[in-house]
Amino acid sequence: MASPTIASLSWGQMKVQGSALTYKDCKVWPGGSRAWDWRETGTEHSPGVQPADVKEVAEKGVQTLVIGRGMSEALKVPPSTVEYLEKQGINVRVLQTEQAVKEYNALVAQGQPPVCILNKGLQLGIG
């Protein structure tokens, strides 16, 4: 199953191919997407993305996970999260959000194995 592309990105708004929703923060994986509500796991900019934030997408069989750190890269991704994903056999790419979307869409366009993006579209605010 193919991953949907990111159709558009602007400050605080992201649209995913095949979804009528506009996301502020989202998780995208092969065949779907959903809002990423930071309150689910108590996520904050620091310490940042925790293993609990990526567990859902890791379980969807992705081989590459692209994590957007926000437009101003305020969201941290601690080594423990990267290590958790690598132990699951998942290649991790951590980038500024605009670069993350470009990388993700390029991987999808190249027909890479299932990829996922866990994106933070804003510098400030909770999911």
PDB file of N, CA and C in Angstrom:
ATOM      1  N   MET A   1       0.840  -1.174   0.000  1.00  0.00           N
ATOM      2  CA  MET A   1       0.000   0.000   0.000  1.00  0.00           C
ATOM      3  C   MET A   1       0.887   1.240   0.000  1.00  0.00           C
ATOM      4  N   ALA A   2       0.574   2.182  -0.852  1.00  0.00           N
ATOM      5  CA  ALA A   2       1.387   3.396  -0.980  1.00  0.00           C
ATOM      6  C   ALA A   2       1.065   4.406   0.119  1.00  0.00           C
ATOM      7  N   SER A   3       2.054   5.198   0.430  1.00  0.00           N
ATOM      8  CA  SER A   3       1.867   6.290   1.378  1.00  0.00           C
ATOM      9  C   SER A   3       1.302   7.493   0.626  1.00  0.00           C
ATOM     10  N   PRO A   4       0.355   8.222   1.223  1.00  0.00           N
ATOM     11  CA  PRO A   4      -0.161   9.421   0.559  1.00  0.00           C
ATOM     12  C   PRO A   4       0.895  10.523   0.595  1.00  0.00           C
ATOM     13  N   THR A   5       0.905  11.359  -0.425  1.00  0.00           N
ATOM     14  CA  THR A   5       1.843  12.473  -0.433  1.00  0.00           C
ATOM     15  C   THR A   5       1.290  13.628   0.401  1.00  0.00           C
ATOM     16  N   ILE A   6       2.185  14.522   0.769  1.00  0.00           N
ATOM     17  CA  ILE A   6       1.782  15.753   1.436  1.00  0.00           C
ATOM     18  C   ILE A   6       1.443  16.725   0.311  1.00  0.00           C
ATOM     19  N   ALA A   7       0.176  17.111   0.219  1.00  0.00           N
ATOM     20  CA  ALA A   7      -0.283  17.947  -0.885  1.00  0.00           C
ATOM     21  C   ALA A   7       0.129  19.409  -0.718  1.00  0.00           C
ATOM     22  N   SER A   8       0.147  19.895   0.527  1.00  0.00           N
ATOM     23  CA  SER A   8       0.560  21.282   0.760  1.00  0.00           C
ATOM     24  C   SER A   8       0.987  21.461   2.204  1.00  0.00           C
ATOM     25  N   LEU A   9       1.868  22.446   2.393  1.00  0.00           N
ATOM     26  CA  LEU A   9       2.384  22.768   3.718  1.00  0.00           C
ATOM     27  C   LEU A   9       2.548  24.272   3.814  1.00  0.00           C
ATOM     28  N   SER A  10       2.021  24.841   4.877  1.00  0.00           N
ATOM     29  CA  SER A  10       2.259  26.237   5.209  1.00  0.00           C
ATOM     30  C   SER A  10       2.292  26.315   6.725  1.00  0.00           C
ATOM     31  N   TRP A  11       2.631  27.464   7.259  1.00  0.00           N
ATOM     32  CA  TRP A  11       2.774  27.616   8.700  1.00  0.00           C
ATOM     33  C   TRP A  11       1.504  27.138   9.405  1.00  0.00           C
ATOM     34  N   GLY A  12       1.607  26.042  10.153  1.00  0.00           N
ATOM     35  CA  GLY A  12       0.491  25.542  10.944  1.00  0.00           C
ATOM     36  C   GLY A  12      -0.576  24.789  10.180  1.00  0.00           C
ATOM     37  N   GLN A  13      -0.353  24.513   8.888  1.00  0.00           N
ATOM     38  CA  GLN A  13      -1.348  23.804   8.100  1.00  0.00           C
ATOM     39  C   GLN A  13      -0.678  22.826   7.151  1.00  0.00           C
ATOM     40  N   MET A  14      -1.201  21.619   7.140  1.00  0.00           N
ATOM     41  CA  MET A  14      -0.694  20.620   6.220  1.00  0.00           C
ATOM     42  C   MET A  14      -1.866  19.821   5.679  1.00  0.00           C
ATOM     43  N   LYS A  15      -1.884  19.623   4.372  1.00  0.00           N
ATOM     44  CA  LYS A  15      -2.910  18.813   3.729  1.00  0.00           C
ATOM     45  C   LYS A  15      -2.257  17.562   3.170  1.00  0.00           C
ATOM     46  N   VAL A  16      -2.946  16.430   3.372  1.00  0.00           N
ATOM     47  CA  VAL A  16      -2.460  15.135   2.931  1.00  0.00           C
ATOM     48  C   VAL A  16      -3.360  14.648   1.805  1.00  0.00           C
ATOM     49  N   GLN A  17      -2.737  14.121   0.760  1.00  0.00           N
ATOM     50  CA  GLN A  17      -3.482  13.579  -0.373  1.00  0.00           C
ATOM     51  C   GLN A  17      -4.520  12.577   0.126  1.00  0.00           C
ATOM     52  N   GLY A  18      -5.748  12.732  -0.357  1.00  0.00           N
ATOM     53  CA  GLY A  18      -6.806  11.793  -0.001  1.00  0.00           C
ATOM     54  C   GLY A  18      -7.541  12.116   1.281  1.00  0.00           C
ATOM     55  N   SER A  19      -7.137  13.161   1.989  1.00  0.00           N
ATOM     56  CA  SER A  19      -7.822  13.551   3.219  1.00  0.00           C
ATOM     57  C   SER A  19      -8.433  14.934   3.043  1.00  0.00           C
ATOM     58  N   ALA A  20      -9.657  15.099   3.507  1.00  0.00           N
ATOM     59  CA  ALA A  20     -10.328  16.396   3.436  1.00  0.00           C
ATOM     60  C   ALA A  20      -9.911  17.298   4.594  1.00  0.00           C
ATOM     61  N   LEU A  21      -9.189  16.743   5.567  1.00  0.00           N
ATOM     62  CA  LEU A  21      -8.802  17.498   6.755  1.00  0.00           C
ATOM     63  C   LEU A  21      -7.564  18.349   6.511  1.00  0.00           C
ATOM     64  N   THR A  22      -7.476  19.442   7.259  1.00  0.00           N
ATOM     65  CA  THR A  22      -6.254  20.234   7.314  1.00  0.00           C
ATOM     66  C   THR A  22      -5.655  19.988   8.687  1.00  0.00           C
ATOM     67  N   TYR A  23      -4.414  19.541   8.715  1.00  0.00           N
ATOM     68  CA  TYR A  23      -3.756  19.204   9.971  1.00  0.00           C
ATOM     69  C   TYR A  23      -2.835  20.325  10.436  1.00  0.00           C
ATOM     70  N   LYS A  24      -2.737  20.470  11.728  1.00  0.00           N
ATOM     71  CA  LYS A  24      -1.722  21.321  12.341  1.00  0.00           C
ATOM     72  C   LYS A  24      -0.484  20.457  12.583  1.00  0.00           C
ATOM     73  N   ASP A  25      -0.676  19.312  13.194  1.00  0.00           N
ATOM     74  CA  ASP A  25       0.350  18.296  13.412  1.00  0.00           C
ATOM     75  C   ASP A  25      -0.269  16.982  12.965  1.00  0.00           C
ATOM     76  N   CYS A  26       0.515  16.130  12.324  1.00  0.00           N
ATOM     77  CA  CYS A  26      -0.095  14.879  11.873  1.00  0.00           C
ATOM     78  C   CYS A  26       0.904  13.746  11.767  1.00  0.00           C
ATOM     79  N   LYS A  27       0.323  12.562  11.681  1.00  0.00           N
ATOM     80  CA  LYS A  27       1.052  11.327  11.420  1.00  0.00           C
ATOM     81  C   LYS A  27       0.511  10.815  10.088  1.00  0.00           C
ATOM     82  N   VAL A  28       1.422  10.436   9.187  1.00  0.00           N
ATOM     83  CA  VAL A  28       1.034   9.925   7.875  1.00  0.00           C
ATOM     84  C   VAL A  28       1.749   8.598   7.666  1.00  0.00           C
ATOM     85  N   TRP A  29       1.041   7.614   7.146  1.00  0.00           N
ATOM     86  CA  TRP A  29       1.608   6.279   6.936  1.00  0.00           C
ATOM     87  C   TRP A  29       0.978   5.674   5.696  1.00  0.00           C
ATOM     88  N   PRO A  30       1.467   4.525   5.245  1.00  0.00           N
ATOM     89  CA  PRO A  30       0.880   3.897   4.061  1.00  0.00           C
ATOM     90  C   PRO A  30      -0.621   3.669   4.244  1.00  0.00           C
ATOM     91  N   GLY A  31      -1.394   4.319   3.401  1.00  0.00           N
ATOM     92  CA  GLY A  31      -2.837   4.151   3.420  1.00  0.00           C
ATOM     93  C   GLY A  31      -3.606   5.068   4.347  1.00  0.00           C
ATOM     94  N   GLY A  32      -2.938   5.987   5.060  1.00  0.00           N
ATOM     95  CA  GLY A  32      -3.717   6.836   5.948  1.00  0.00           C
ATOM     96  C   GLY A  32      -2.962   7.975   6.606  1.00  0.00           C
ATOM     97  N   SER A  33      -3.725   8.720   7.383  1.00  0.00           N
ATOM     98  CA  SER A  33      -3.164   9.834   8.150  1.00  0.00           C
ATOM     99  C   SER A  33      -4.147  10.180   9.269  1.00  0.00           C
ATOM    100  N   ARG A  34      -3.624  10.882  10.272  1.00  0.00           N
ATOM    101  CA  ARG A  34      -4.492  11.362  11.341  1.00  0.00           C
ATOM    102  C   ARG A  34      -3.800  12.517  12.049  1.00  0.00           C
ATOM    103  N   ALA A  35      -4.588  13.285  12.785  1.00  0.00           N
ATOM    104  CA  ALA A  35      -4.028  14.368  13.580  1.00  0.00           C
ATOM    105  C   ALA A  35      -3.114  13.790  14.653  1.00  0.00           C
ATOM    106  N   TRP A  36      -2.044  14.481  14.938  1.00  0.00           N
ATOM    107  CA  TRP A  36      -1.123  14.106  16.017  1.00  0.00           C
ATOM    108  C   TRP A  36      -1.404  15.036  17.184  1.00  0.00           C
ATOM    109  N   ASP A  37      -2.104  14.529  18.162  1.00  0.00           N
ATOM    110  CA  ASP A  37      -2.457  15.293  19.352  1.00  0.00           C
ATOM    111  C   ASP A  37      -1.397  15.038  20.416  1.00  0.00           C
ATOM    112  N   TRP A  38      -0.586  16.032  20.679  1.00  0.00           N
ATOM    113  CA  TRP A  38       0.512  15.883  21.636  1.00  0.00           C
ATOM    114  C   TRP A  38       0.020  15.498  23.024  1.00  0.00           C
ATOM    115  N   ARG A  39      -1.214  15.853  23.358  1.00  0.00           N
ATOM    116  CA  ARG A  39      -1.744  15.558  24.696  1.00  0.00           C
ATOM    117  C   ARG A  39      -1.861  14.059  24.948  1.00  0.00           C
ATOM    118  N   GLU A  40      -1.933  13.256  23.879  1.00  0.00           N
ATOM    119  CA  GLU A  40      -2.046  11.807  24.038  1.00  0.00           C
ATOM    120  C   GLU A  40      -0.878  11.223  24.822  1.00  0.00           C
ATOM    121  N   THR A  41       0.298  11.784  24.626  1.00  0.00           N
ATOM    122  CA  THR A  41       1.487  11.233  25.268  1.00  0.00           C
ATOM    123  C   THR A  41       2.231  12.258  26.124  1.00  0.00           C
ATOM    124  N   GLY A  42       1.661  13.459  26.264  1.00  0.00           N
ATOM    125  CA  GLY A  42       2.309  14.494  27.056  1.00  0.00           C
ATOM    126  C   GLY A  42       3.530  15.088  26.374  1.00  0.00           C
ATOM    127  N   THR A  43       3.555  15.064  25.060  1.00  0.00           N
ATOM    128  CA  THR A  43       4.686  15.578  24.300  1.00  0.00           C
ATOM    129  C   THR A  43       4.808  17.090  24.448  1.00  0.00           C
ATOM    130  N   GLU A  44       6.029  17.548  24.558  1.00  0.00           N
ATOM    131  CA  GLU A  44       6.356  18.972  24.559  1.00  0.00           C
ATOM    132  C   GLU A  44       7.594  19.148  23.692  1.00  0.00           C
ATOM    133  N   HIS A  45       7.924  20.391  23.352  1.00  0.00           N
ATOM    134  CA  HIS A  45       9.084  20.639  22.483  1.00  0.00           C
ATOM    135  C   HIS A  45      10.355  20.008  23.048  1.00  0.00           C
ATOM    136  N   SER A  46      10.479  20.037  24.365  1.00  0.00           N
ATOM    137  CA  SER A  46      11.606  19.393  25.028  1.00  0.00           C
ATOM    138  C   SER A  46      11.046  18.561  26.174  1.00  0.00           C
ATOM    139  N   PRO A  47      11.303  17.295  26.249  1.00  0.00           N
ATOM    140  CA  PRO A  47      12.343  16.542  25.549  1.00  0.00           C
ATOM    141  C   PRO A  47      12.003  16.162  24.113  1.00  0.00           C
ATOM    142  N   GLY A  48      10.768  16.395  23.673  1.00  0.00           N
ATOM    143  CA  GLY A  48      10.432  16.170  22.273  1.00  0.00           C
ATOM    144  C   GLY A  48       9.718  14.867  21.995  1.00  0.00           C
ATOM    145  N   VAL A  49       9.913  14.360  20.774  1.00  0.00           N
ATOM    146  CA  VAL A  49       9.230  13.157  20.287  1.00  0.00           C
ATOM    147  C   VAL A  49       9.719  11.948  21.075  1.00  0.00           C
ATOM    148  N   GLN A  50       8.792  11.281  21.736  1.00  0.00           N
ATOM    149  CA  GLN A  50       9.112  10.130  22.574  1.00  0.00           C
ATOM    150  C   GLN A  50       8.756   8.829  21.847  1.00  0.00           C
ATOM    151  N   PRO A  51       9.308   7.699  22.287  1.00  0.00           N
ATOM    152  CA  PRO A  51       8.924   6.424  21.674  1.00  0.00           C
ATOM    153  C   PRO A  51       7.405   6.226  21.626  1.00  0.00           C
ATOM    154  N   ALA A  52       6.681   6.688  22.627  1.00  0.00           N
ATOM    155  CA  ALA A  52       5.224   6.543  22.631  1.00  0.00           C
ATOM    156  C   ALA A  52       4.573   7.288  21.463  1.00  0.00           C
ATOM    157  N   ASP A  53       5.208   8.363  20.993  1.00  0.00           N
ATOM    158  CA  ASP A  53       4.676   9.129  19.868  1.00  0.00           C
ATOM    159  C   ASP A  53       4.817   8.379  18.544  1.00  0.00           C
ATOM    160  N   VAL A  54       5.844   7.563  18.422  1.00  0.00           N
ATOM    161  CA  VAL A  54       6.127   6.886  17.155  1.00  0.00           C
ATOM    162  C   VAL A  54       5.672   5.419  17.134  1.00  0.00           C
ATOM    163  N   LYS A  55       5.277   4.899  18.276  1.00  0.00           N
ATOM    164  CA  LYS A  55       4.892   3.484  18.375  1.00  0.00           C
ATOM    165  C   LYS A  55       3.785   3.129  17.382  1.00  0.00           C
ATOM    166  N   GLU A  56       2.769   3.960  17.301  1.00  0.00           N
ATOM    167  CA  GLU A  56       1.637   3.704  16.403  1.00  0.00           C
ATOM    168  C   GLU A  56       2.088   3.533  14.954  1.00  0.00           C
ATOM    169  N   VAL A  57       2.935   4.432  14.481  1.00  0.00           N
ATOM    170  CA  VAL A  57       3.357   4.341  13.085  1.00  0.00           C
ATOM    171  C   VAL A  57       4.397   3.244  12.888  1.00  0.00           C
ATOM    172  N   ALA A  58       5.188   2.976  13.896  1.00  0.00           N
ATOM    173  CA  ALA A  58       6.165   1.886  13.806  1.00  0.00           C
ATOM    174  C   ALA A  58       5.452   0.552  13.605  1.00  0.00           C
ATOM    175  N   GLU A  59       4.277   0.432  14.188  1.00  0.00           N
ATOM    176  CA  GLU A  59       3.505  -0.807  14.088  1.00  0.00           C
ATOM    177  C   GLU A  59       2.771  -0.959  12.762  1.00  0.00           C
ATOM    178  N   LYS A  60       2.863   0.035  11.893  1.00  0.00           N
ATOM    179  CA  LYS A  60       2.174  -0.020  10.602  1.00  0.00           C
ATOM    180  C   LYS A  60       3.068  -0.591   9.503  1.00  0.00           C
ATOM    181  N   GLY A  61       4.231  -1.116   9.886  1.00  0.00           N
ATOM    182  CA  GLY A  61       5.105  -1.769   8.923  1.00  0.00           C
ATOM    183  C   GLY A  61       5.951  -0.830   8.090  1.00  0.00           C
ATOM    184  N   VAL A  62       6.162   0.389   8.560  1.00  0.00           N
ATOM    185  CA  VAL A  62       6.985   1.323   7.788  1.00  0.00           C
ATOM    186  C   VAL A  62       8.454   0.928   7.882  1.00  0.00           C
ATOM    187  N   GLN A  63       9.184   1.245   6.848  1.00  0.00           N
ATOM    188  CA  GLN A  63      10.617   0.961   6.830  1.00  0.00           C
ATOM    189  C   GLN A  63      11.443   2.229   6.988  1.00  0.00           C
ATOM    190  N   THR A  64      10.840   3.370   6.664  1.00  0.00           N
ATOM    191  CA  THR A  64      11.497   4.661   6.838  1.00  0.00           C
ATOM    192  C   THR A  64      10.520   5.602   7.505  1.00  0.00           C
ATOM    193  N   LEU A  65      10.982   6.308   8.523  1.00  0.00           N
ATOM    194  CA  LEU A  65      10.159   7.292   9.226  1.00  0.00           C
ATOM    195  C   LEU A  65      10.863   8.636   9.145  1.00  0.00           C
ATOM    196  N   VAL A  66      10.174   9.610   8.571  1.00  0.00           N
ATOM    197  CA  VAL A  66      10.699  10.967   8.457  1.00  0.00           C
ATOM    198  C   VAL A  66      10.010  11.791   9.542  1.00  0.00           C
ATOM    199  N   ILE A  67      10.809  12.421  10.388  1.00  0.00           N
ATOM    200  CA  ILE A  67      10.271  13.226  11.477  1.00  0.00           C
ATOM    201  C   ILE A  67      10.571  14.694  11.211  1.00  0.00           C
ATOM    202  N   GLY A  68       9.524  15.502  11.140  1.00  0.00           N
ATOM    203  CA  GLY A  68       9.677  16.946  10.999  1.00  0.00           C
ATOM    204  C   GLY A  68       9.802  17.577  12.371  1.00  0.00           C
ATOM    205  N   ARG A  69      10.798  18.439  12.538  1.00  0.00           N
ATOM    206  CA  ARG A  69      11.071  19.065  13.836  1.00  0.00           C
ATOM    207  C   ARG A  69      10.407  20.423  13.995  1.00  0.00           C
ATOM    208  N   GLY A  70       9.573  20.817  13.042  1.00  0.00           N
ATOM    209  CA  GLY A  70       8.937  22.130  13.097  1.00  0.00           C
ATOM    210  C   GLY A  70       9.605  23.087  12.136  1.00  0.00           C
ATOM    211  N   MET A  71       8.897  24.150  11.832  1.00  0.00           N
ATOM    212  CA  MET A  71       9.407  25.139  10.886  1.00  0.00           C
ATOM    213  C   MET A  71      10.686  25.790  11.412  1.00  0.00           C
ATOM    214  N   SER A  72      10.753  25.991  12.718  1.00  0.00           N
ATOM    215  CA  SER A  72      11.942  26.603  13.327  1.00  0.00           C
ATOM    216  C   SER A  72      12.777  25.585  14.095  1.00  0.00           C
ATOM    217  N   GLU A  73      12.502  24.314  13.876  1.00  0.00           N
ATOM    218  CA  GLU A  73      13.230  23.203  14.507  1.00  0.00           C
ATOM    219  C   GLU A  73      13.228  23.273  16.034  1.00  0.00           C
ATOM    220  N   ALA A  74      12.094  23.670  16.597  1.00  0.00           N
ATOM    221  CA  ALA A  74      11.976  23.759  18.054  1.00  0.00           C
ATOM    222  C   ALA A  74      11.704  22.406  18.702  1.00  0.00           C
ATOM    223  N   LEU A  75      11.172  21.460  17.935  1.00  0.00           N
ATOM    224  CA  LEU A  75      10.828  20.145  18.474  1.00  0.00           C
ATOM    225  C   LEU A  75      12.067  19.258  18.502  1.00  0.00           C
ATOM    226  N   LYS A  76      12.374  18.731  19.645  1.00  0.00           N
ATOM    227  CA  LYS A  76      13.547  17.866  19.793  1.00  0.00           C
ATOM    228  C   LYS A  76      13.175  16.408  19.504  1.00  0.00           C
ATOM    229  N   VAL A  77      14.170  15.654  19.093  1.00  0.00           N
ATOM    230  CA  VAL A  77      14.024  14.209  18.891  1.00  0.00           C
ATOM    231  C   VAL A  77      15.192  13.574  19.632  1.00  0.00           C
ATOM    232  N   PRO A  78      14.945  13.069  20.847  1.00  0.00           N
ATOM    233  CA  PRO A  78      16.040  12.518  21.647  1.00  0.00           C
ATOM    234  C   PRO A  78      16.584  11.215  21.068  1.00  0.00           C
ATOM    235  N   PRO A  79      17.847  10.908  21.387  1.00  0.00           N
ATOM    236  CA  PRO A  79      18.465   9.662  20.916  1.00  0.00           C
ATOM    237  C   PRO A  79      17.648   8.419  21.274  1.00  0.00           C
ATOM    238  N   SER A  80      16.955   8.435  22.411  1.00  0.00           N
ATOM    239  CA  SER A  80      16.183   7.259  22.820  1.00  0.00           C
ATOM    240  C   SER A  80      15.080   6.934  21.812  1.00  0.00           C
ATOM    241  N   THR A  81      14.502   7.938  21.184  1.00  0.00           N
ATOM    242  CA  THR A  81      13.455   7.708  20.189  1.00  0.00           C
ATOM    243  C   THR A  81      14.049   7.129  18.917  1.00  0.00           C
ATOM    244  N   VAL A  82      15.168   7.678  18.479  1.00  0.00           N
ATOM    245  CA  VAL A  82      15.846   7.160  17.288  1.00  0.00           C
ATOM    246  C   VAL A  82      16.282   5.714  17.530  1.00  0.00           C
ATOM    247  N   GLU A  83      16.838   5.447  18.698  1.00  0.00           N
ATOM    248  CA  GLU A  83      17.273   4.079  19.034  1.00  0.00           C
ATOM    249  C   GLU A  83      16.096   3.111  19.046  1.00  0.00           C
ATOM    250  N   TYR A  84      14.961   3.531  19.612  1.00  0.00           N
ATOM    251  CA  TYR A  84      13.758   2.702  19.634  1.00  0.00           C
ATOM    252  C   TYR A  84      13.364   2.311  18.210  1.00  0.00           C
ATOM    253  N   LEU A  85      13.339   3.286  17.303  1.00  0.00           N
ATOM    254  CA  LEU A  85      12.949   3.017  15.920  1.00  0.00           C
ATOM    255  C   LEU A  85      13.959   2.134  15.207  1.00  0.00           C
ATOM    256  N   GLU A  86      15.236   2.406  15.418  1.00  0.00           N
ATOM    257  CA  GLU A  86      16.264   1.586  14.774  1.00  0.00           C
ATOM    258  C   GLU A  86      16.205   0.141  15.249  1.00  0.00           C
ATOM    259  N   LYS A  87      15.871  -0.079  16.514  1.00  0.00           N
ATOM    260  CA  LYS A  87      15.714  -1.456  17.027  1.00  0.00           C
ATOM    261  C   LYS A  87      14.532  -2.160  16.367  1.00  0.00           C
ATOM    262  N   GLN A  88      13.576  -1.375  15.861  1.00  0.00           N
ATOM    263  CA  GLN A  88      12.424  -1.931  15.137  1.00  0.00           C
ATOM    264  C   GLN A  88      12.767  -2.158  13.661  1.00  0.00           C
ATOM    265  N   GLY A  89      14.014  -1.824  13.278  1.00  0.00           N
ATOM    266  CA  GLY A  89      14.426  -1.978  11.890  1.00  0.00           C
ATOM    267  C   GLY A  89      13.972  -0.838  10.988  1.00  0.00           C
ATOM    268  N   ILE A  90      13.666   0.303  11.581  1.00  0.00           N
ATOM    269  CA  ILE A  90      13.154   1.450  10.836  1.00  0.00           C
ATOM    270  C   ILE A  90      14.264   2.478  10.648  1.00  0.00           C
ATOM    271  N   ASN A  91      14.451   2.897   9.403  1.00  0.00           N
ATOM    272  CA  ASN A  91      15.389   3.959   9.064  1.00  0.00           C
ATOM    273  C   ASN A  91      14.756   5.291   9.474  1.00  0.00           C
ATOM    274  N   VAL A  92      15.493   6.129  10.177  1.00  0.00           N
ATOM    275  CA  VAL A  92      14.954   7.383  10.710  1.00  0.00           C
ATOM    276  C   VAL A  92      15.655   8.571  10.067  1.00  0.00           C
ATOM    277  N   ARG A  93      14.868   9.544   9.637  1.00  0.00           N
ATOM    278  CA  ARG A  93      15.397  10.802   9.109  1.00  0.00           C
ATOM    279  C   ARG A  93      14.734  11.937   9.871  1.00  0.00           C
ATOM    280  N   VAL A  94      15.529  12.763  10.519  1.00  0.00           N
ATOM    281  CA  VAL A  94      15.029  13.879  11.324  1.00  0.00           C
ATOM    282  C   VAL A  94      15.444  15.169  10.635  1.00  0.00           C
ATOM    283  N   LEU A  95      14.439  15.967  10.233  1.00  0.00           N
ATOM    284  CA  LEU A  95      14.702  17.163   9.442  1.00  0.00           C
ATOM    285  C   LEU A  95      13.782  18.320   9.852  1.00  0.00           C
ATOM    286  N   GLN A  96      14.160  19.523   9.468  1.00  0.00           N
ATOM    287  CA  GLN A  96      13.276  20.686   9.588  1.00  0.00           C
ATOM    288  C   GLN A  96      12.018  20.346   8.782  1.00  0.00           C
ATOM    289  N   THR A  97      10.860  20.823   9.200  1.00  0.00           N
ATOM    290  CA  THR A  97       9.592  20.372   8.629  1.00  0.00           C
ATOM    291  C   THR A  97       9.497  20.532   7.116  1.00  0.00           C
ATOM    292  N   GLU A  98       9.874  21.670   6.562  1.00  0.00           N
ATOM    293  CA  GLU A  98       9.771  21.827   5.109  1.00  0.00           C
ATOM    294  C   GLU A  98      10.672  20.815   4.397  1.00  0.00           C
ATOM    295  N   GLN A  99      11.868  20.596   4.927  1.00  0.00           N
ATOM    296  CA  GLN A  99      12.780  19.615   4.349  1.00  0.00           C
ATOM    297  C   GLN A  99      12.246  18.198   4.540  1.00  0.00           C
ATOM    298  N   ALA A 100      11.619  17.950   5.691  1.00  0.00           N
ATOM    299  CA  ALA A 100      11.045  16.631   5.958  1.00  0.00           C
ATOM    300  C   ALA A 100       9.952  16.305   4.946  1.00  0.00           C
ATOM    301  N   VAL A 101       9.099  17.267   4.647  1.00  0.00           N
ATOM    302  CA  VAL A 101       8.023  17.044   3.676  1.00  0.00           C
ATOM    303  C   VAL A 101       8.609  16.784   2.288  1.00  0.00           C
ATOM    304  N   LYS A 102       9.620  17.543   1.891  1.00  0.00           N
ATOM    305  CA  LYS A 102      10.263  17.316   0.590  1.00  0.00           C
ATOM    306  C   LYS A 102      10.873  15.918   0.525  1.00  0.00           C
ATOM    307  N   GLU A 103      11.572  15.532   1.579  1.00  0.00           N
ATOM    308  CA  GLU A 103      12.203  14.210   1.632  1.00  0.00           C
ATOM    309  C   GLU A 103      11.151  13.099   1.582  1.00  0.00           C
ATOM    310  N   TYR A 104      10.120  13.255   2.383  1.00  0.00           N
ATOM    311  CA  TYR A 104       9.036  12.271   2.427  1.00  0.00           C
ATOM    312  C   TYR A 104       8.388  12.116   1.051  1.00  0.00           C
ATOM    313  N   ASN A 105       7.985  13.247   0.436  1.00  0.00           N
ATOM    314  CA  ASN A 105       7.333  13.180  -0.871  1.00  0.00           C
ATOM    315  C   ASN A 105       8.257  12.583  -1.924  1.00  0.00           C
ATOM    316  N   ALA A 106       9.553  12.874  -1.844  1.00  0.00           N
ATOM    317  CA  ALA A 106      10.514  12.301  -2.788  1.00  0.00           C
ATOM    318  C   ALA A 106      10.586  10.777  -2.623  1.00  0.00           C
ATOM    319  N   LEU A 107      10.605  10.302  -1.389  1.00  0.00           N
ATOM    320  CA  LEU A 107      10.631   8.860  -1.134  1.00  0.00           C
ATOM    321  C   LEU A 107       9.375   8.185  -1.673  1.00  0.00           C
ATOM    322  N   VAL A 108       8.221   8.812  -1.454  1.00  0.00           N
ATOM    323  CA  VAL A 108       6.960   8.260  -1.958  1.00  0.00           C
ATOM    324  C   VAL A 108       6.990   8.219  -3.492  1.00  0.00           C
ATOM    325  N   ALA A 109       7.451   9.311  -4.117  1.00  0.00           N
ATOM    326  CA  ALA A 109       7.497   9.385  -5.578  1.00  0.00           C
ATOM    327  C   ALA A 109       8.442   8.347  -6.169  1.00  0.00           C
ATOM    328  N   GLN A 110       9.504   8.010  -5.449  1.00  0.00           N
ATOM    329  CA  GLN A 110      10.469   7.011  -5.917  1.00  0.00           C
ATOM    330  C   GLN A 110       9.972   5.590  -5.692  1.00  0.00           C
ATOM    331  N   GLY A 111       8.801   5.452  -5.066  1.00  0.00           N
ATOM    332  CA  GLY A 111       8.257   4.124  -4.811  1.00  0.00           C
ATOM    333  C   GLY A 111       9.021   3.373  -3.748  1.00  0.00           C
ATOM    334  N   GLN A 112       9.624   4.110  -2.836  1.00  0.00           N
ATOM    335  CA  GLN A 112      10.369   3.479  -1.751  1.00  0.00           C
ATOM    336  C   GLN A 112       9.427   2.600  -0.923  1.00  0.00           C
ATOM    337  N   PRO A 113       9.987   1.645  -0.186  1.00  0.00           N
ATOM    338  CA  PRO A 113       9.145   0.844   0.706  1.00  0.00           C
ATOM    339  C   PRO A 113       8.347   1.773   1.626  1.00  0.00           C
ATOM    340  N   PRO A 114       7.335   1.271   2.278  1.00  0.00           N
ATOM    341  CA  PRO A 114       6.467   2.138   3.071  1.00  0.00           C
ATOM    342  C   PRO A 114       7.244   3.128   3.935  1.00  0.00           C
ATOM    343  N   VAL A 115       6.866   4.389   3.777  1.00  0.00           N
ATOM    344  CA  VAL A 115       7.474   5.461   4.561  1.00  0.00           C
ATOM    345  C   VAL A 115       6.390   6.177   5.336  1.00  0.00           C
ATOM    346  N   CYS A 116       6.788   6.859   6.365  1.00  0.00           N
ATOM    347  CA  CYS A 116       5.844   7.559   7.218  1.00  0.00           C
ATOM    348  C   CYS A 116       6.448   8.902   7.583  1.00  0.00           C
ATOM    349  N   ILE A 117       5.610   9.891   7.791  1.00  0.00           N
ATOM    350  CA  ILE A 117       6.081  11.161   8.310  1.00  0.00           C
ATOM    351  C   ILE A 117       5.328  11.454   9.597  1.00  0.00           C
ATOM    352  N   LEU A 118       6.065  11.899  10.562  1.00  0.00           N
ATOM    353  CA  LEU A 118       5.500  12.345  11.830  1.00  0.00           C
ATOM    354  C   LEU A 118       5.870  13.812  11.847  1.00  0.00           C
ATOM    355  N   ASN A 119       4.914  14.679  11.646  1.00  0.00           N
ATOM    356  CA  ASN A 119       5.228  16.067  11.350  1.00  0.00           C
ATOM    357  C   ASN A 119       4.771  17.038  12.429  1.00  0.00           C
ATOM    358  N   LYS A 120       5.567  18.041  12.626  1.00  0.00           N
ATOM    359  CA  LYS A 120       5.201  19.158  13.492  1.00  0.00           C
ATOM    360  C   LYS A 120       5.245  20.392  12.623  1.00  0.00           C
ATOM    361  N   GLY A 121       4.084  20.965  12.368  1.00  0.00           N
ATOM    362  CA  GLY A 121       4.003  22.093  11.460  1.00  0.00           C
ATOM    363  C   GLY A 121       4.242  23.451  12.079  1.00  0.00           C
ATOM    364  N   LEU A 122       4.180  23.549  13.373  1.00  0.00           N
ATOM    365  CA  LEU A 122       4.333  24.857  14.037  1.00  0.00           C
ATOM    366  C   LEU A 122       5.543  24.894  14.933  1.00  0.00           C
ATOM    367  N   GLN A 123       5.985  26.091  15.201  1.00  0.00           N
ATOM    368  CA  GLN A 123       7.070  26.241  16.163  1.00  0.00           C
ATOM    369  C   GLN A 123       6.530  26.185  17.581  1.00  0.00           C
ATOM    370  N   LEU A 124       5.377  26.761  17.816  1.00  0.00           N
ATOM    371  CA  LEU A 124       4.831  26.857  19.158  1.00  0.00           C
ATOM    372  C   LEU A 124       3.459  26.217  19.226  1.00  0.00           C
ATOM    373  N   GLY A 125       3.036  25.851  20.397  1.00  0.00           N
ATOM    374  CA  GLY A 125       1.691  25.313  20.586  1.00  0.00           C
ATOM    375  C   GLY A 125       1.695  23.828  20.802  1.00  0.00           C
ATOM    376  N   ILE A 126       0.660  23.339  21.380  1.00  0.00           N
ATOM    377  CA  ILE A 126       0.503  21.916  21.613  1.00  0.00           C
ATOM    378  C   ILE A 126      -0.475  21.378  20.607  1.00  0.00           C
ATOM    379  N   GLY A 127      -0.095  20.245  19.973  1.00  0.00           N
ATOM    380  CA  GLY A 127      -0.869  19.539  18.983  1.00  0.00           C
ATOM    381  C   GLY A 127      -2.264  19.855  18.872  1.00  0.00           C
TER     382      GLY A 127
END
